[in-house]
Protein backbone atom coordinates (compact mmCIF):
# COMPACT_ATOMS: atom_id res chain seq x y z
CA MET A 1 99.22 64.70 123.13
CA MET A 2 97.10 68.17 123.87
CA SER A 3 97.82 69.29 127.57
CA PHE A 4 94.97 71.34 129.68
CA ASN A 5 95.96 73.31 133.44
CA PRO A 6 92.60 74.44 134.56
CA ARG A 7 94.52 77.28 136.43
CA ILE A 8 96.49 78.74 133.59
CA CYS A 9 93.72 78.22 131.17
CA SER A 10 91.52 80.60 133.04
CA THR A 11 93.65 82.80 133.34
CA CYS A 12 95.21 82.46 129.93
CA ARG A 13 92.13 82.62 127.45
CA GLY A 14 93.99 82.21 124.70
CA ARG A 15 97.17 84.50 125.05
CA GLY A 16 99.93 81.83 125.40
CA PHE A 17 100.50 81.98 129.34
CA CYS A 18 101.29 78.39 129.22
CA GLY A 19 104.45 78.30 126.26
CA LEU A 20 102.33 76.44 124.15
CA SER A 21 103.25 76.73 120.50
CA TYR A 22 98.96 76.70 120.08
CA CYS A 23 95.96 76.93 122.20
CA PRO A 24 94.81 73.32 122.93
CA VAL A 25 91.42 74.72 124.76
CA ILE A 26 90.76 76.68 121.42
CA ALA A 27 91.88 73.69 119.05
CA LYS A 28 89.78 71.49 120.79
CA ALA A 29 86.60 73.63 121.02
CA ARG A 30 87.00 74.81 117.06
CA ALA A 31 87.10 71.06 116.36
CA SER A 32 84.34 69.97 118.21
CA ILE A 33 81.90 72.99 116.71
CA LYS A 34 82.88 71.41 113.51
CA LEU A 35 82.13 67.93 114.28
CA SER A 36 79.10 68.51 115.65
CA GLY A 37 77.02 68.46 113.09
CA ILE A 38 78.34 65.14 112.01
CA THR A 39 79.54 62.82 114.81
CA GLY A 40 75.57 61.16 114.69
CA GLN A 41 75.25 61.00 110.96
CA ARG A 42 76.12 58.19 108.74
CA VAL A 43 75.73 60.26 105.39
CA ILE A 44 77.93 63.07 104.66
CA GLU A 45 77.53 65.49 101.45
CA GLY A 46 80.52 67.43 101.33
CA SER A 47 83.58 67.65 99.04
CA THR A 48 86.70 66.40 99.18
CA PRO A 49 89.96 68.44 98.62
CA PRO A 50 90.91 65.52 97.47
CA SER A 51 91.80 63.57 100.39
CA LEU A 52 92.30 59.87 100.39
CA PHE A 53 93.86 57.55 103.32
CA VAL A 54 95.80 54.46 103.08
CA GLY A 55 96.73 52.43 106.37
CA ARG A 56 99.57 50.43 106.86
CA TYR A 57 98.99 48.06 110.26
CA GLY A 58 98.02 44.72 108.16
CA TYR A 59 99.43 45.30 105.07
CA PRO A 60 98.73 43.98 102.72
CA TYR A 61 95.82 44.31 104.05
CA VAL A 62 95.04 47.77 104.95
CA ARG A 63 91.71 50.18 105.05
CA VAL A 64 91.81 52.46 102.32
CA GLY A 65 89.26 55.22 101.06
CA PRO A 66 87.86 59.06 101.10
CA SER A 67 88.29 62.23 103.41
CA ALA A 68 85.22 64.66 103.07
CA ALA A 69 84.10 67.96 104.64
CA PRO A 70 81.07 69.60 104.50
CA PRO A 71 80.53 72.06 101.54
CA ASN A 72 83.18 74.58 101.96
CA ASN A 73 84.52 77.30 99.58
CA ASP A 74 88.10 76.85 100.89
CA VAL A 75 87.93 73.18 101.37
CA LEU A 76 91.10 72.62 99.02
CA VAL A 77 93.49 73.91 101.87
CA TYR A 78 91.85 71.06 104.25
CA ASP A 79 94.71 68.72 102.44
CA TYR A 80 97.29 71.43 101.06
CA PRO A 81 100.49 71.47 103.14
CA GLU A 82 102.22 73.61 101.03
CA SER A 83 99.75 76.43 102.31
CA TRP A 84 99.67 75.64 105.90
CA LEU A 85 103.14 77.05 107.01
CA GLY A 86 101.88 80.79 108.10
CA ARG A 87 98.48 79.40 109.77
CA ARG A 88 98.28 78.84 113.21
CA ILE A 89 98.25 75.41 114.25
CA GLU A 90 94.70 75.59 115.86
CA ASP A 91 93.65 76.14 111.89
CA ILE A 92 95.26 73.02 110.44
CA LEU A 93 93.51 71.06 113.60
CA GLU A 94 90.29 72.56 112.30
CA TYR A 95 91.01 71.40 108.64
CA ARG A 96 92.21 68.24 109.56
CA TRP A 97 89.41 67.45 111.93
CA SER A 98 87.29 68.37 109.81
CA LEU A 99 87.67 65.50 107.04
CA VAL A 100 85.98 62.40 107.75
CA THR A 101 87.11 59.38 106.48
CA GLY A 102 85.38 57.03 105.44
CA TYR A 103 87.13 53.36 105.00
CA THR A 104 86.55 49.84 103.21
CA SER A 105 89.63 46.94 104.01
CA ILE A 106 91.41 45.72 101.06
CA ASP A 107 94.02 43.59 99.94
CA VAL A 108 96.32 45.26 97.67
CA ARG A 109 97.45 42.44 95.80
CA ARG A 110 93.94 41.91 94.72
CA PRO A 111 91.77 44.17 91.83
CA TYR A 112 90.62 47.13 93.53
CA ASP A 113 86.72 47.22 94.55
CA ARG A 114 83.87 49.88 93.31
CA ILE A 115 85.07 52.70 96.27
CA VAL A 116 88.68 51.99 95.57
CA GLU A 117 88.65 52.84 92.45
CA GLU A 118 86.18 55.78 92.81
CA THR A 119 88.74 56.86 95.41
CA ARG A 120 91.47 56.78 93.17
CA LEU A 121 89.73 58.61 90.43
CA MET A 122 88.75 61.56 92.49
CA THR A 123 92.41 61.61 93.97
CA LEU A 124 93.65 62.83 90.54
CA SER A 125 91.99 65.85 90.69
CA SER A 126 93.50 69.15 91.78
CA ARG A 127 90.48 70.68 93.02
CA PRO A 128 87.56 69.98 95.30
CA VAL A 129 85.04 67.04 94.32
CA ASP A 130 81.05 66.57 95.55
CA ILE A 131 81.03 63.51 97.10
CA ARG A 132 78.50 61.63 99.13
CA VAL A 133 79.52 59.23 101.47
CA GLU A 134 77.47 56.56 103.36
CA LEU A 135 78.82 54.86 106.50
CA ALA A 136 78.12 52.19 108.26
CA LYS A 137 77.78 53.70 111.69
CA PRO A 138 78.62 57.36 112.76
CA PRO A 139 82.19 58.38 112.73
CA ARG A 140 84.05 58.67 116.63
CA PRO A 141 85.26 61.92 116.66
CA ILE A 142 89.20 61.30 117.25
CA LEU A 143 92.13 63.13 116.20
CA HIS A 144 94.73 60.70 115.16
CA LEU A 145 98.29 62.33 115.26
CA SER A 146 101.91 60.89 113.62
CA GLU A 147 105.00 62.45 113.12
CA GLU A 148 104.95 61.73 109.24
CA GLU A 149 101.17 62.08 107.97
CA PRO A 150 99.37 65.49 108.75
CA PRO A 151 96.19 65.22 111.54
CA GLN A 152 93.77 62.20 110.75
CA GLY A 153 90.32 63.17 111.56
CA PRO A 154 87.67 61.17 112.16
CA ARG A 155 86.81 57.34 110.69
CA ALA A 156 83.99 54.95 110.27
CA PRO A 157 83.77 51.91 108.00
CA ILE A 158 82.46 53.07 104.29
CA VAL A 159 78.88 51.29 102.59
CA ARG A 160 78.84 53.64 99.79
CA LEU A 161 80.56 55.88 97.63
CA GLN A 162 79.12 58.37 95.02
CA VAL A 163 81.46 60.98 93.24
CA LEU A 164 78.91 63.73 92.51
CA GLY A 165 81.17 66.17 90.87
CA ASN A 166 83.61 65.67 88.01
CA PRO A 167 87.13 65.73 88.53
CA SER A 168 89.86 68.04 87.21
CA VAL A 169 92.76 66.31 86.20
CA PRO A 170 96.08 68.11 85.01
CA ARG A 171 97.24 67.30 82.08
CA PRO A 172 100.82 65.71 83.36
CA VAL A 173 98.75 63.92 85.69
CA GLU A 174 96.08 62.33 82.89
CA LYS A 175 99.00 61.19 81.11
CA ALA A 176 101.57 59.61 83.80
CA PHE A 177 98.09 57.94 85.09
CA ASN A 178 97.32 56.57 81.32
CA ASP A 179 101.04 55.75 80.55
CA THR A 180 100.94 51.72 82.18
CA ASP A 181 104.35 51.74 81.12
CA LEU A 182 105.84 54.34 82.83
CA PRO A 183 107.86 53.21 85.95
CA ALA A 184 106.53 54.99 89.40
CA TYR A 185 110.08 56.57 89.98
CA ASP A 186 110.06 58.18 86.45
CA ALA A 187 106.37 59.22 86.84
CA VAL A 188 106.96 61.11 90.17
CA VAL A 189 110.15 62.93 88.74
CA TYR A 190 107.90 63.71 85.51
CA LEU A 191 104.87 65.12 87.89
CA TYR A 192 107.56 67.28 89.70
CA LYS A 193 109.27 68.77 86.81
CA SER A 194 105.69 69.39 85.82
CA ASN A 195 104.97 71.58 88.72
CA ILE A 196 102.67 69.43 90.16
CA PRO A 197 102.43 70.23 93.90
CA VAL A 198 104.56 67.21 95.88
CA SER A 199 102.07 66.81 97.96
CA HIS A 200 99.35 66.02 95.65
CA ILE A 201 101.85 63.44 93.77
CA GLN A 202 102.11 61.71 97.32
CA LYS A 203 98.18 61.26 97.35
CA ILE A 204 98.12 59.60 93.70
CA LEU A 205 101.14 57.37 94.67
CA SER A 206 99.58 56.39 97.59
CA ALA A 207 96.21 55.88 95.70
CA GLY A 208 98.22 53.03 93.51
CA ALA A 209 97.82 55.35 89.86
CA LEU A 210 101.41 55.62 89.44
CA GLY A 211 103.54 53.01 88.01
CA VAL A 212 103.87 49.87 85.31
CA LYS A 213 99.97 48.53 85.13
CA ASN A 214 100.44 44.61 86.81
CA GLN A 215 102.80 46.59 89.61
CA ARG A 216 100.35 49.67 90.26
CA ARG A 217 99.31 49.39 94.25
CA LEU A 218 98.30 51.16 96.91
CA VAL A 219 100.71 52.21 99.02
CA PRO A 220 100.31 53.55 102.46
CA THR A 221 99.68 57.51 103.37
CA ARG A 222 103.14 57.38 105.91
CA TRP A 223 104.80 55.55 102.87
CA SER A 224 104.22 57.38 100.16
CA ILE A 225 105.09 60.63 101.62
CA THR A 226 108.86 59.65 102.28
CA ALA A 227 108.83 57.89 98.90
CA VAL A 228 107.99 60.93 97.00
CA ASP A 229 110.19 63.07 98.98
CA SER A 230 113.34 60.00 98.46
CA MET A 231 112.57 59.80 94.84
CA ILE A 232 112.38 63.53 94.32
CA SER A 233 115.68 63.89 96.11
CA ARG A 234 117.78 61.36 94.05
CA GLU A 235 116.71 62.68 90.78
CA LEU A 236 117.44 66.50 92.22
CA LEU A 237 120.85 64.87 93.88
CA ARG A 238 121.74 63.57 90.18
CA GLU A 239 122.19 67.30 88.82
CA VAL A 240 123.44 69.13 91.96
CA LYS A 241 126.37 66.94 91.62
CA LYS A 242 127.51 68.56 88.13
CA TYR A 243 127.52 71.57 90.01
CA ASP A 244 130.95 73.37 91.48
CA VAL A 245 130.77 73.65 94.96
CA ILE A 246 129.70 76.97 96.51
CA ASN A 247 132.26 79.15 97.27
CA GLU A 248 131.87 79.77 101.28
CA ILE A 249 130.15 78.60 103.98
CA GLU A 250 126.33 79.99 104.28
CA VAL A 251 124.26 79.60 106.68
CA TYR A 252 120.20 79.95 107.15
CA MET A 253 118.13 80.14 109.87
CA LEU A 254 114.10 80.36 110.88
CA ARG A 255 112.43 80.07 113.66
CA HIS A 256 108.32 78.79 113.91
CA TYR A 257 106.42 77.22 115.78
CA ASP A 258 108.94 76.72 119.05
CA ASN A 259 111.31 75.12 116.86
CA LEU A 260 114.81 76.58 115.50
CA PHE A 261 115.90 75.28 112.02
CA ILE A 262 119.71 76.05 111.06
CA ALA A 263 121.32 75.06 107.72
CA VAL A 264 125.27 75.13 107.14
CA LEU A 265 126.21 74.75 103.88
CA TYR A 266 129.63 74.01 103.46
CA PRO A 267 132.24 74.51 100.29
CA ALA A 268 132.36 70.48 99.81
CA LYS A 269 131.12 68.26 97.53
CA TRP A 270 127.72 66.85 98.65
CA SER A 271 127.28 65.25 102.14
CA TYR A 272 124.34 65.62 104.36
CA GLU A 273 123.06 65.34 107.62
CA TRP A 274 119.62 65.90 109.67
CA MET A 275 120.08 66.65 113.36
CA GLU A 276 117.36 67.26 115.80
CA ALA A 277 117.82 68.40 119.59
CA TRP A 278 114.37 67.69 121.47
CA TRP A 279 113.53 69.34 124.57
CA PRO A 280 111.79 67.90 127.62
CA GLY A 281 107.92 68.46 126.89
CA SER A 282 108.49 68.64 123.70
CA THR A 283 106.55 66.16 121.30
CA TRP A 284 108.89 63.26 121.21
CA ASN A 285 110.77 63.65 124.69
CA PRO A 286 107.71 64.27 127.28
CA GLY A 287 109.17 62.92 130.19
CA ALA A 288 113.06 63.01 130.05
CA LEU A 289 115.08 65.33 131.94
CA ASP A 290 117.97 66.15 129.38
CA VAL A 291 117.80 67.19 125.88
CA VAL A 292 117.72 63.87 123.69
CA VAL A 293 119.88 64.65 120.32
CA GLU A 294 120.02 62.77 117.36
CA GLY A 295 120.18 62.28 113.66
CA ASP A 296 121.53 60.62 110.53
CA TYR A 297 124.11 61.50 108.11
CA GLU A 298 125.29 60.32 104.48
CA ASP A 299 128.39 60.99 102.30
CA TYR A 300 128.51 61.64 98.68
CA HIS A 301 127.90 58.22 97.57
CA GLY A 302 124.35 58.35 99.36
CA ARG A 303 123.57 55.67 102.28
CA THR A 304 122.25 52.08 102.16
CA THR A 305 119.99 51.92 104.81
CA TYR A 306 116.62 53.76 105.93
CA PRO A 307 117.22 56.67 108.37
CA GLY A 308 116.59 56.11 111.64
CA ILE A 309 115.81 59.80 112.77
CA GLY A 310 112.52 59.02 110.16
CA GLY A 311 110.60 60.63 107.36
CA CYS A 312 112.16 64.57 108.38
CA TYR A 313 115.44 63.11 106.88
CA TYR A 314 114.36 63.36 103.34
CA ALA A 315 111.82 65.95 103.56
CA SER A 316 114.43 68.33 104.53
CA MET A 317 116.97 67.13 102.00
CA LEU A 318 114.07 67.64 99.41
CA ALA A 319 114.21 71.35 100.45
CA THR A 320 117.68 71.73 100.59
CA LEU A 321 118.30 70.42 97.13
CA GLU A 322 115.94 72.49 95.52
CA HIS A 323 117.92 75.41 97.07
CA LEU A 324 121.03 74.40 95.68
CA SER A 325 119.37 73.54 92.65
CA ARG A 326 118.24 77.08 91.79
CA MET A 327 121.98 78.01 93.13
CA ARG A 328 123.46 75.64 90.24
CA ARG A 329 126.15 74.63 93.01
CA GLN A 330 126.80 71.26 95.34
CA ALA A 331 127.89 71.38 99.04
CA THR A 332 127.58 70.20 102.10
CA ALA A 333 124.72 70.57 104.00
CA ILE A 334 124.55 70.08 107.52
CA LEU A 335 120.83 70.92 109.00
CA LEU A 336 119.86 71.36 113.21
CA ARG A 337 116.17 71.82 114.50
CA GLU A 338 115.85 72.44 118.15
CA ILE A 339 112.22 71.87 119.50
CA TYR A 340 111.46 73.22 122.46
CA PRO A 341 108.16 72.45 124.91
CA GLY A 342 105.98 74.41 123.46
CA PHE A 343 105.79 72.47 120.54
CA ASN A 344 104.26 68.86 121.89
CA LEU A 345 102.33 67.89 118.72
CA PRO A 346 103.22 65.94 116.38
CA LEU A 347 101.87 67.40 113.00
CA GLY A 348 103.85 65.78 109.98
CA VAL A 349 106.80 65.63 107.94
CA TRP A 350 105.34 68.48 105.79
CA PHE A 351 106.01 70.77 108.67
CA VAL A 352 109.91 70.07 108.35
CA ARG A 353 109.48 70.61 104.17
CA GLU A 354 107.96 73.04 103.95
CA SER A 355 109.73 75.15 107.11
CA ILE A 356 113.03 74.23 105.34
CA ARG A 357 111.49 75.71 102.08
CA GLU A 358 110.73 78.89 103.90
CA MET A 359 113.89 79.14 105.47
CA TYR A 360 116.08 78.97 102.26
CA ARG A 361 113.58 82.03 100.88
CA HIS A 362 115.48 84.38 102.58
CA GLU A 363 118.93 85.22 102.56
CA PRO A 364 121.65 83.70 104.75
CA ILE A 365 122.33 84.96 108.06
CA LEU A 366 125.95 84.62 107.56
CA LYS A 367 128.44 84.08 104.40
CA THR A 368 132.29 83.28 105.57
CA SER A 369 135.68 80.93 105.37
CA GLU A 370 136.25 80.79 108.92
CA LEU A 371 134.30 77.86 110.44
CA LYS A 372 135.23 79.57 113.77
CA GLU A 373 132.72 82.18 112.50
CA VAL A 374 129.78 79.62 112.41
CA PHE A 375 130.49 78.17 115.63
CA ASN A 376 130.53 81.60 117.36
CA LEU A 377 127.21 81.80 115.74
CA LEU A 378 125.61 79.02 117.07
CA ASP A 379 126.59 79.40 120.80
CA LYS A 380 124.09 82.73 120.12
CA VAL A 381 121.42 81.43 118.18
CA THR A 382 121.05 77.93 119.35
CA ARG A 383 120.17 76.73 123.18
CA LEU A 384 121.92 73.77 122.51
CA GLY A 385 125.30 75.51 121.94
CA ALA A 386 128.15 75.16 119.65
CA THR A 387 130.02 72.40 121.79
CA LYS A 388 127.14 70.25 122.24
CA TRP A 389 126.27 70.53 118.23
CA LEU A 390 129.79 69.55 117.30
CA ASN A 391 129.82 66.01 119.64
CA SER A 392 126.61 65.07 117.94
CA SER A 393 127.42 66.16 114.38
CA LYS A 394 129.14 63.87 112.61
CA LEU A 395 130.18 65.99 109.71
CA LEU A 396 131.04 69.07 111.68
CA GLN A 397 133.43 66.97 113.60
CA ARG A 398 134.72 65.79 109.93
CA ILE A 399 134.71 69.42 108.71
CA ALA A 400 136.23 70.50 111.75
CA LYS A 401 139.22 67.93 111.92
CA THR A 402 139.99 67.93 108.09
CA ARG A 403 142.11 70.47 106.61
CA SER A 404 141.92 70.69 102.92
CA ILE A 405 145.38 71.22 100.99
CA ARG A 406 144.65 75.01 100.70
CA ASP A 407 145.46 75.65 104.46
CA PHE A 408 148.61 74.26 104.41
CA PHE A 409 149.19 76.89 101.06
CA SER A 410 148.00 79.43 102.92
CA ARG A 411 149.91 78.32 105.79
CA ASP A 412 153.42 77.96 104.16
CA ALA A 413 152.76 81.34 102.04
């Protein structure tokens, strides 16, 4: 997805003339420097944040293994998405490209081999762990990009793994790991309520370290990310549904990395919608001439099918339910996202989760009882405009066309 225009690049020199939210030349150069010391090596001695990768292709036969970087005092940040939002995309790419993954192939239904056992135990740690990885061949300098997962660095088959340091395992993680009668759902919720970061819970679930003893399985990284977001959202929703609805419409907004995020919280019982508008030249709309708008929604009783819009649906829902839980209120939540041409690199659903969390840390930009004021605001701050958003959103249409009994009372008064 990285794009270069020699004529623009030679003049720009990292000053943003191309309109992208990052500099592809700088990103590639910094990543190449990081890789220069390891691409010809078969033995890597360094630290893991901790980090692991579990593939999904060919499931239940998957590739799994640890990721390591050269010794670095700040290696924890390499796989800690909760700390990435304020950093440049070049920095995030450098972190991810610096992690070399050694993998072995395994059937998730069979007992783990030694490499998988060691990988699982180090994944429980909340601090970096020193390891020594012996690879079958030097890693290839390739950066793997995905809408679901954070960027992945070079990979190569692993021959041997040695854990040189002692993992620092938080007590709640140790308790959930040792409790082989605790279902995976309950374990995820317990860890979340124990203030274990969501990204760490996702890795622990992926490593097959949670759940009833005979049911524990390696979970592909992509699946574990969405599974944890969904489980936590489901638990938060049980609580949020007990609260009264908010008193008026609240609108929140965040602009970040050529993305615009807007949340419209409407005073009604829980319903949820996530909408995305991709401009031509953005990540998932590289060649079209028109803006592509997609989304999914659910009513009070939830969904029975997986949302076609993907993992961003649950990542944004988790952040929204966290906000409503803090407010001790429920609402109909409609979240809109505009993605512009400068954002043409998939970073993973962490970007949505952490962006929405950041958005809710600020006061709403509008509080009103009039839906018309919301549409006026959408016309001012969005490129798509209120009419197109209304025509694309199921819940906005439902709200606009439905009048509550209070409207009739106020009309007759």
